[in-house]
């Protein structure tokens, strides 16, 4: 019952925090800003991952919750792996700051997409 009733607010806040952290992370040129943005990225991911997992599980019937969990975790792992490969590819042609900036831009694109998809979640949730 940690975020009961505020799941979308926490999710959107986490996405906005991650976007801001990645953009500032790409522009930071001192150790204090670098470490601070790394902390904010950790906070954003630490709150975003369980929220999205809750969203996935709430869309499934009780006998499909294992499938929902495994689908979420598999897609999360594929996304992290693909993102790391893409980030390394971008950094090899440019630099790490550009790779972080691209990640921030992709995160920014995800915010309105999530906002629009809230209606689908509210219509289809089982719990």
C-alpha atoms as a PDB file:
ATOM      1  CA  UNK A   1       0.000   0.000   0.000  1.00  0.00           C
ATOM      2  CA  UNK A   2       3.029   2.223  -0.412  1.00  0.00           C
ATOM      3  CA  UNK A   3       1.639   4.341  -3.257  1.00  0.00           C
ATOM      4  CA  UNK A   4      -2.033   3.426  -3.218  1.00  0.00           C
ATOM      5  CA  UNK A   5      -3.905   5.828  -5.456  1.00  0.00           C
ATOM      6  CA  UNK A   6      -0.763   7.628  -6.608  1.00  0.00           C
ATOM      7  CA  UNK A   7       0.721   5.065  -8.969  1.00  0.00           C
ATOM      8  CA  UNK A   8       0.526   7.325 -12.017  1.00  0.00           C
ATOM      9  CA  UNK A   9       1.860  10.344 -10.143  1.00  0.00           C
ATOM     10  CA  UNK A  10       4.848   8.369  -8.852  1.00  0.00           C
ATOM     11  CA  UNK A  11       5.480   6.928 -12.293  1.00  0.00           C
ATOM     12  CA  UNK A  12       5.357  10.289 -14.043  1.00  0.00           C
ATOM     13  CA  UNK A  13       7.504  11.914 -11.356  1.00  0.00           C
ATOM     14  CA  UNK A  14      10.081   9.121 -11.695  1.00  0.00           C
ATOM     15  CA  UNK A  15      10.140   9.469 -15.466  1.00  0.00           C
ATOM     16  CA  UNK A  16      10.558  13.246 -15.226  1.00  0.00           C
ATOM     17  CA  UNK A  17      13.318  12.842 -12.630  1.00  0.00           C
ATOM     18  CA  UNK A  18      15.130  10.319 -14.830  1.00  0.00           C
ATOM     19  CA  UNK A  19      14.827  12.572 -17.876  1.00  0.00           C
ATOM     20  CA  UNK A  20      16.184  15.587 -16.004  1.00  0.00           C
ATOM     21  CA  UNK A  21      18.969  13.559 -14.423  1.00  0.00           C
ATOM     22  CA  UNK A  22      20.111  12.110 -17.754  1.00  0.00           C
ATOM     23  CA  UNK A  23      20.107  15.496 -19.474  1.00  0.00           C
ATOM     24  CA  UNK A  24      22.023  17.185 -16.647  1.00  0.00           C
ATOM     25  CA  UNK A  25      24.267  14.100 -16.420  1.00  0.00           C
ATOM     26  CA  UNK A  26      25.221  14.642 -20.072  1.00  0.00           C
ATOM     27  CA  UNK A  27      26.016  18.312 -19.417  1.00  0.00           C
ATOM     28  CA  UNK A  28      27.818  17.926 -16.067  1.00  0.00           C
ATOM     29  CA  UNK A  29      31.512  18.652 -16.086  1.00  0.00           C
ATOM     30  CA  UNK A  30      32.376  18.346 -12.411  1.00  0.00           C
ATOM     31  CA  UNK A  31      32.384  15.494  -9.931  1.00  0.00           C
ATOM     32  CA  UNK A  32      29.703  16.929  -7.618  1.00  0.00           C
ATOM     33  CA  UNK A  33      27.132  17.272 -10.424  1.00  0.00           C
ATOM     34  CA  UNK A  34      28.174  13.902 -11.834  1.00  0.00           C
ATOM     35  CA  UNK A  35      27.644  12.114  -8.499  1.00  0.00           C
ATOM     36  CA  UNK A  36      24.442  14.020  -7.756  1.00  0.00           C
ATOM     37  CA  UNK A  37      22.898  13.070 -11.079  1.00  0.00           C
ATOM     38  CA  UNK A  38      23.957   9.459 -10.596  1.00  0.00           C
ATOM     39  CA  UNK A  39      22.120   9.527  -7.252  1.00  0.00           C
ATOM     40  CA  UNK A  40      19.008  10.991  -8.907  1.00  0.00           C
ATOM     41  CA  UNK A  41      19.139   8.344 -11.649  1.00  0.00           C
ATOM     42  CA  UNK A  42      19.260   5.689  -8.934  1.00  0.00           C
ATOM     43  CA  UNK A  43      16.293   7.211  -7.109  1.00  0.00           C
ATOM     44  CA  UNK A  44      14.332   7.455 -10.367  1.00  0.00           C
ATOM     45  CA  UNK A  45      14.997   3.834 -11.344  1.00  0.00           C
ATOM     46  CA  UNK A  46      14.462   2.654  -7.765  1.00  0.00           C
ATOM     47  CA  UNK A  47      10.968   4.082  -7.726  1.00  0.00           C
ATOM     48  CA  UNK A  48      10.097   3.478 -11.380  1.00  0.00           C
ATOM     49  CA  UNK A  49      10.862  -0.250 -11.555  1.00  0.00           C
ATOM     50  CA  UNK A  50       8.438  -1.395  -8.815  1.00  0.00           C
ATOM     51  CA  UNK A  51       5.748   1.001 -10.070  1.00  0.00           C
ATOM     52  CA  UNK A  52       5.890  -0.420 -13.583  1.00  0.00           C
ATOM     53  CA  UNK A  53       5.941  -3.950 -12.212  1.00  0.00           C
ATOM     54  CA  UNK A  54       2.809  -3.147 -10.212  1.00  0.00           C
ATOM     55  CA  UNK A  55       1.161  -1.783 -13.359  1.00  0.00           C
ATOM     56  CA  UNK A  56       1.924  -4.997 -15.235  1.00  0.00           C
ATOM     57  CA  UNK A  57       0.689  -7.255 -12.433  1.00  0.00           C
ATOM     58  CA  UNK A  58      -2.504  -5.236 -11.941  1.00  0.00           C
ATOM     59  CA  UNK A  59      -3.429  -5.868 -15.572  1.00  0.00           C
ATOM     60  CA  UNK A  60      -3.399  -9.648 -15.085  1.00  0.00           C
ATOM     61  CA  UNK A  61      -5.882 -12.040 -13.519  1.00  0.00           C
ATOM     62  CA  UNK A  62      -4.660 -13.858 -10.416  1.00  0.00           C
ATOM     63  CA  UNK A  63      -3.782 -16.986 -12.384  1.00  0.00           C
ATOM     64  CA  UNK A  64      -1.692 -14.936 -14.869  1.00  0.00           C
ATOM     65  CA  UNK A  65       0.411 -12.940 -12.410  1.00  0.00           C
ATOM     66  CA  UNK A  66       3.473 -15.132 -12.847  1.00  0.00           C
ATOM     67  CA  UNK A  67       3.263 -14.610 -16.583  1.00  0.00           C
ATOM     68  CA  UNK A  68       2.863 -10.855 -16.090  1.00  0.00           C
ATOM     69  CA  UNK A  69       5.919 -10.752 -13.810  1.00  0.00           C
ATOM     70  CA  UNK A  70       8.066 -12.766 -16.174  1.00  0.00           C
ATOM     71  CA  UNK A  71       6.951 -10.677 -19.146  1.00  0.00           C
ATOM     72  CA  UNK A  72       7.821  -7.470 -17.315  1.00  0.00           C
ATOM     73  CA  UNK A  73      11.200  -8.729 -16.093  1.00  0.00           C
ATOM     74  CA  UNK A  74      12.101 -10.135 -19.513  1.00  0.00           C
ATOM     75  CA  UNK A  75      11.194  -6.876 -21.248  1.00  0.00           C
ATOM     76  CA  UNK A  76      13.116  -4.935 -18.601  1.00  0.00           C
ATOM     77  CA  UNK A  77      16.234  -7.058 -19.153  1.00  0.00           C
ATOM     78  CA  UNK A  78      15.952  -6.793 -22.937  1.00  0.00           C
ATOM     79  CA  UNK A  79      15.483  -3.017 -22.648  1.00  0.00           C
ATOM     80  CA  UNK A  80      18.483  -2.574 -20.359  1.00  0.00           C
ATOM     81  CA  UNK A  81      20.655  -4.763 -22.587  1.00  0.00           C
ATOM     82  CA  UNK A  82      19.556  -3.021 -25.779  1.00  0.00           C
ATOM     83  CA  UNK A  83      20.011   0.381 -24.157  1.00  0.00           C
ATOM     84  CA  UNK A  84      23.531  -0.483 -23.058  1.00  0.00           C
ATOM     85  CA  UNK A  85      24.457  -1.684 -26.549  1.00  0.00           C
ATOM     86  CA  UNK A  86      22.893   1.371 -28.167  1.00  0.00           C
ATOM     87  CA  UNK A  87      24.569   3.686 -25.651  1.00  0.00           C
ATOM     88  CA  UNK A  88      27.942   2.058 -26.317  1.00  0.00           C
ATOM     89  CA  UNK A  89      27.387   2.346 -30.056  1.00  0.00           C
ATOM     90  CA  UNK A  90      26.526   6.050 -29.764  1.00  0.00           C
ATOM     91  CA  UNK A  91      29.441   6.686 -27.405  1.00  0.00           C
ATOM     92  CA  UNK A  92      31.869   4.975 -29.793  1.00  0.00           C
ATOM     93  CA  UNK A  93      30.956   7.460 -32.523  1.00  0.00           C
ATOM     94  CA  UNK A  94      30.608  10.487 -30.269  1.00  0.00           C
ATOM     95  CA  UNK A  95      31.074  10.403 -26.492  1.00  0.00           C
ATOM     96  CA  UNK A  96      29.343   9.267 -23.320  1.00  0.00           C
ATOM     97  CA  UNK A  97      27.677  12.648 -22.818  1.00  0.00           C
ATOM     98  CA  UNK A  98      25.915  12.304 -26.168  1.00  0.00           C
ATOM     99  CA  UNK A  99      24.771   8.789 -25.279  1.00  0.00           C
ATOM    100  CA  UNK A 100      23.286  10.108 -22.002  1.00  0.00           C
ATOM    101  CA  UNK A 101      21.632  12.983 -23.852  1.00  0.00           C
ATOM    102  CA  UNK A 102      20.032  10.552 -26.311  1.00  0.00           C
ATOM    103  CA  UNK A 103      18.817   8.494 -23.344  1.00  0.00           C
ATOM    104  CA  UNK A 104      17.335  11.628 -21.806  1.00  0.00           C
ATOM    105  CA  UNK A 105      15.566  12.479 -25.053  1.00  0.00           C
ATOM    106  CA  UNK A 106      14.141   8.967 -25.322  1.00  0.00           C
ATOM    107  CA  UNK A 107      12.979   9.215 -21.730  1.00  0.00           C
ATOM    108  CA  UNK A 108      11.343  12.540 -22.549  1.00  0.00           C
ATOM    109  CA  UNK A 109       9.466  10.924 -25.441  1.00  0.00           C
ATOM    110  CA  UNK A 110       8.210   8.202 -23.067  1.00  0.00           C
ATOM    111  CA  UNK A 111       6.511  10.714 -20.734  1.00  0.00           C
ATOM    112  CA  UNK A 112       3.632  11.762 -23.034  1.00  0.00           C
ATOM    113  CA  UNK A 113       3.302   8.185 -24.269  1.00  0.00           C
ATOM    114  CA  UNK A 114       2.801   6.995 -20.695  1.00  0.00           C
ATOM    115  CA  UNK A 115       0.429   9.861 -19.942  1.00  0.00           C
ATOM    116  CA  UNK A 116      -1.772   8.890 -22.907  1.00  0.00           C
ATOM    117  CA  UNK A 117      -1.669   5.183 -22.034  1.00  0.00           C
ATOM    118  CA  UNK A 118      -3.012   5.738 -18.503  1.00  0.00           C
ATOM    119  CA  UNK A 119      -6.557   5.391 -19.858  1.00  0.00           C
ATOM    120  CA  UNK A 120      -5.717   1.959 -21.264  1.00  0.00           C
ATOM    121  CA  UNK A 121      -4.397   0.890 -17.876  1.00  0.00           C
ATOM    122  CA  UNK A 122      -7.406   2.181 -15.963  1.00  0.00           C
ATOM    123  CA  UNK A 123      -9.769   0.438 -18.383  1.00  0.00           C
ATOM    124  CA  UNK A 124      -7.938  -2.874 -18.356  1.00  0.00           C
ATOM    125  CA  UNK A 125      -6.722  -3.295 -14.786  1.00  0.00           C
ATOM    126  CA  UNK A 126      -8.105  -6.262 -12.915  1.00  0.00           C
ATOM    127  CA  UNK A 127      -7.135  -5.315  -9.355  1.00  0.00           C
END
